Amino acid sequence: MKIGNREIKIVICHRIPERTIHIKGRPLPLCARCAGIFIGALWMMLYLLFSWTNVGLFGFLIGVILMLPGAIDGFTQLFEYRMSNNLLRLVTGLLMGVGEVLIAKALAEFAFKILT
């Protein structure tokens, strides 16, 4: 991404052009899966913030289950068993983002319970 004369590198994402969502011919600074992860994580953080929900062990297990489709999609593509598409990457990224936040919240609740 260029801003003025400087190029800014985002190292959290590979940004392969075929795997990046384009809007009006310009690529987003994240690939479809990473964009989905950030959107899903942000949505889940906002939901948990305003709902004051405790997720516990059940939330942890749901988080792990939500991460599985993205892991399967990513690894089957990595090992060239099949080729994914941007819509599938975006959807599995959304699920992964939600799952990551559920896992983090469950671990934080567990740590808080142990420490208090």
Protein backbone atom coordinates (compact mmCIF):
# COMPACT_ATOMS: atom_id res chain seq x y z
CA MET A 1 0.00 0.00 0.00
CA LYS A 2 1.40 3.41 -0.92
CA ILE A 3 0.75 6.58 0.99
CA GLY A 4 2.42 9.48 -0.73
CA ASN A 5 5.97 8.46 -1.59
CA ARG A 6 6.15 5.78 1.10
CA GLU A 7 5.14 2.17 0.81
CA ILE A 8 3.59 0.61 3.87
CA LYS A 9 3.98 -3.15 4.24
CA ILE A 10 1.40 -5.17 6.12
CA VAL A 11 3.20 -8.26 7.37
CA ILE A 12 0.19 -9.99 8.88
CA CYS A 13 -1.15 -11.01 5.47
CA HIS A 14 0.41 -12.36 2.30
CA ARG A 15 -1.83 -10.21 0.03
CA ILE A 16 -1.59 -12.52 -2.96
CA PRO A 17 -3.50 -10.59 -5.68
CA GLU A 18 -5.76 -13.52 -6.63
CA ARG A 19 -6.76 -13.99 -3.00
CA THR A 20 -7.42 -10.32 -2.29
CA ILE A 21 -10.83 -8.69 -2.57
CA HIS A 22 -10.85 -5.84 -5.09
CA ILE A 23 -13.18 -2.85 -4.85
CA LYS A 24 -13.42 -0.65 -7.96
CA GLY A 25 -10.31 -2.36 -9.32
CA ARG A 26 -8.20 -1.61 -6.22
CA PRO A 27 -7.11 -4.41 -3.89
CA LEU A 28 -7.90 -4.25 -0.19
CA PRO A 29 -4.83 -4.31 2.09
CA LEU A 30 -5.79 -7.80 3.34
CA CYS A 31 -6.60 -11.08 1.64
CA ALA A 32 -10.18 -12.40 1.82
CA ARG A 33 -9.48 -14.75 4.75
CA CYS A 34 -7.66 -12.14 6.86
CA ALA A 35 -10.40 -9.57 6.13
CA GLY A 36 -12.97 -12.13 7.29
CA ILE A 37 -10.98 -12.87 10.44
CA PHE A 38 -10.79 -9.19 11.38
CA ILE A 39 -14.48 -8.55 10.63
CA GLY A 40 -15.60 -11.66 12.55
CA ALA A 41 -13.36 -10.88 15.52
CA LEU A 42 -14.49 -7.25 15.67
CA TRP A 43 -18.16 -8.27 15.46
CA MET A 44 -17.77 -10.87 18.23
CA MET A 45 -15.81 -8.50 20.48
CA LEU A 46 -18.55 -5.87 20.13
CA TYR A 47 -21.25 -8.46 20.77
CA LEU A 48 -19.53 -9.77 23.92
CA LEU A 49 -18.79 -6.24 25.11
CA PHE A 50 -22.43 -5.18 25.00
CA SER A 51 -24.01 -8.48 26.04
CA TRP A 52 -21.82 -9.20 29.09
CA THR A 53 -21.98 -12.87 28.24
CA ASN A 54 -19.80 -15.47 29.95
CA VAL A 55 -18.77 -18.13 27.45
CA GLY A 56 -17.08 -20.72 29.67
CA LEU A 57 -16.08 -24.18 28.47
CA PHE A 58 -18.99 -24.35 26.03
CA GLY A 59 -17.82 -21.13 24.35
CA PHE A 60 -14.28 -22.50 24.18
CA LEU A 61 -15.50 -25.67 22.42
CA ILE A 62 -17.70 -23.69 20.02
CA GLY A 63 -14.68 -21.48 19.26
CA VAL A 64 -12.57 -24.51 18.40
CA ILE A 65 -15.35 -25.90 16.18
CA LEU A 66 -15.69 -22.54 14.40
CA MET A 67 -11.96 -22.54 13.66
CA LEU A 68 -12.04 -25.96 11.95
CA PRO A 69 -13.54 -24.94 8.57
CA GLY A 70 -10.86 -22.28 8.08
CA ALA A 71 -8.11 -24.68 9.07
CA ILE A 72 -9.43 -27.35 6.71
CA ASP A 73 -9.81 -24.84 3.87
CA GLY A 74 -6.35 -23.40 4.44
CA PHE A 75 -4.52 -26.71 4.75
CA THR A 76 -6.25 -28.40 1.81
CA GLN A 77 -5.29 -25.40 -0.28
CA LEU A 78 -1.73 -25.31 1.10
CA PHE A 79 -1.15 -28.96 0.26
CA GLU A 80 -2.76 -28.43 -3.17
CA TYR A 81 -5.63 -30.87 -2.69
CA ARG A 82 -7.97 -28.24 -4.13
CA MET A 83 -8.22 -24.52 -4.85
CA SER A 84 -10.41 -22.33 -2.68
CA ASN A 85 -12.20 -19.15 -3.77
CA ASN A 86 -12.49 -15.72 -2.18
CA LEU A 87 -16.07 -16.17 -0.97
CA LEU A 88 -15.14 -19.38 0.85
CA ARG A 89 -12.03 -17.72 2.27
CA LEU A 90 -14.09 -14.77 3.50
CA VAL A 91 -16.74 -16.98 5.15
CA THR A 92 -14.21 -19.29 6.80
CA GLY A 93 -12.30 -16.19 7.93
CA LEU A 94 -15.46 -14.79 9.55
CA LEU A 95 -15.95 -18.07 11.41
CA MET A 96 -12.30 -18.10 12.48
CA GLY A 97 -12.51 -14.53 13.78
CA VAL A 98 -15.57 -15.35 15.88
CA GLY A 99 -13.91 -18.56 17.10
CA GLU A 100 -10.70 -16.80 18.08
CA VAL A 101 -12.55 -14.29 20.22
CA LEU A 102 -14.64 -17.00 21.91
CA ILE A 103 -11.47 -18.96 22.73
CA ALA A 104 -9.71 -15.84 24.05
CA LYS A 105 -12.73 -14.88 26.18
CA ALA A 106 -13.05 -18.40 27.59
CA LEU A 107 -9.34 -18.47 28.47
CA ALA A 108 -9.58 -15.02 30.07
CA GLU A 109 -12.57 -16.13 32.16
CA PHE A 110 -10.68 -19.25 33.24
CA ALA A 111 -7.59 -17.23 34.18
CA PHE A 112 -9.70 -14.73 36.11
CA LYS A 113 -11.44 -17.55 37.97
CA ILE A 114 -8.07 -19.07 38.97
CA LEU A 115 -6.57 -15.76 40.06
CA THR A 116 -9.51 -14.62 42.19
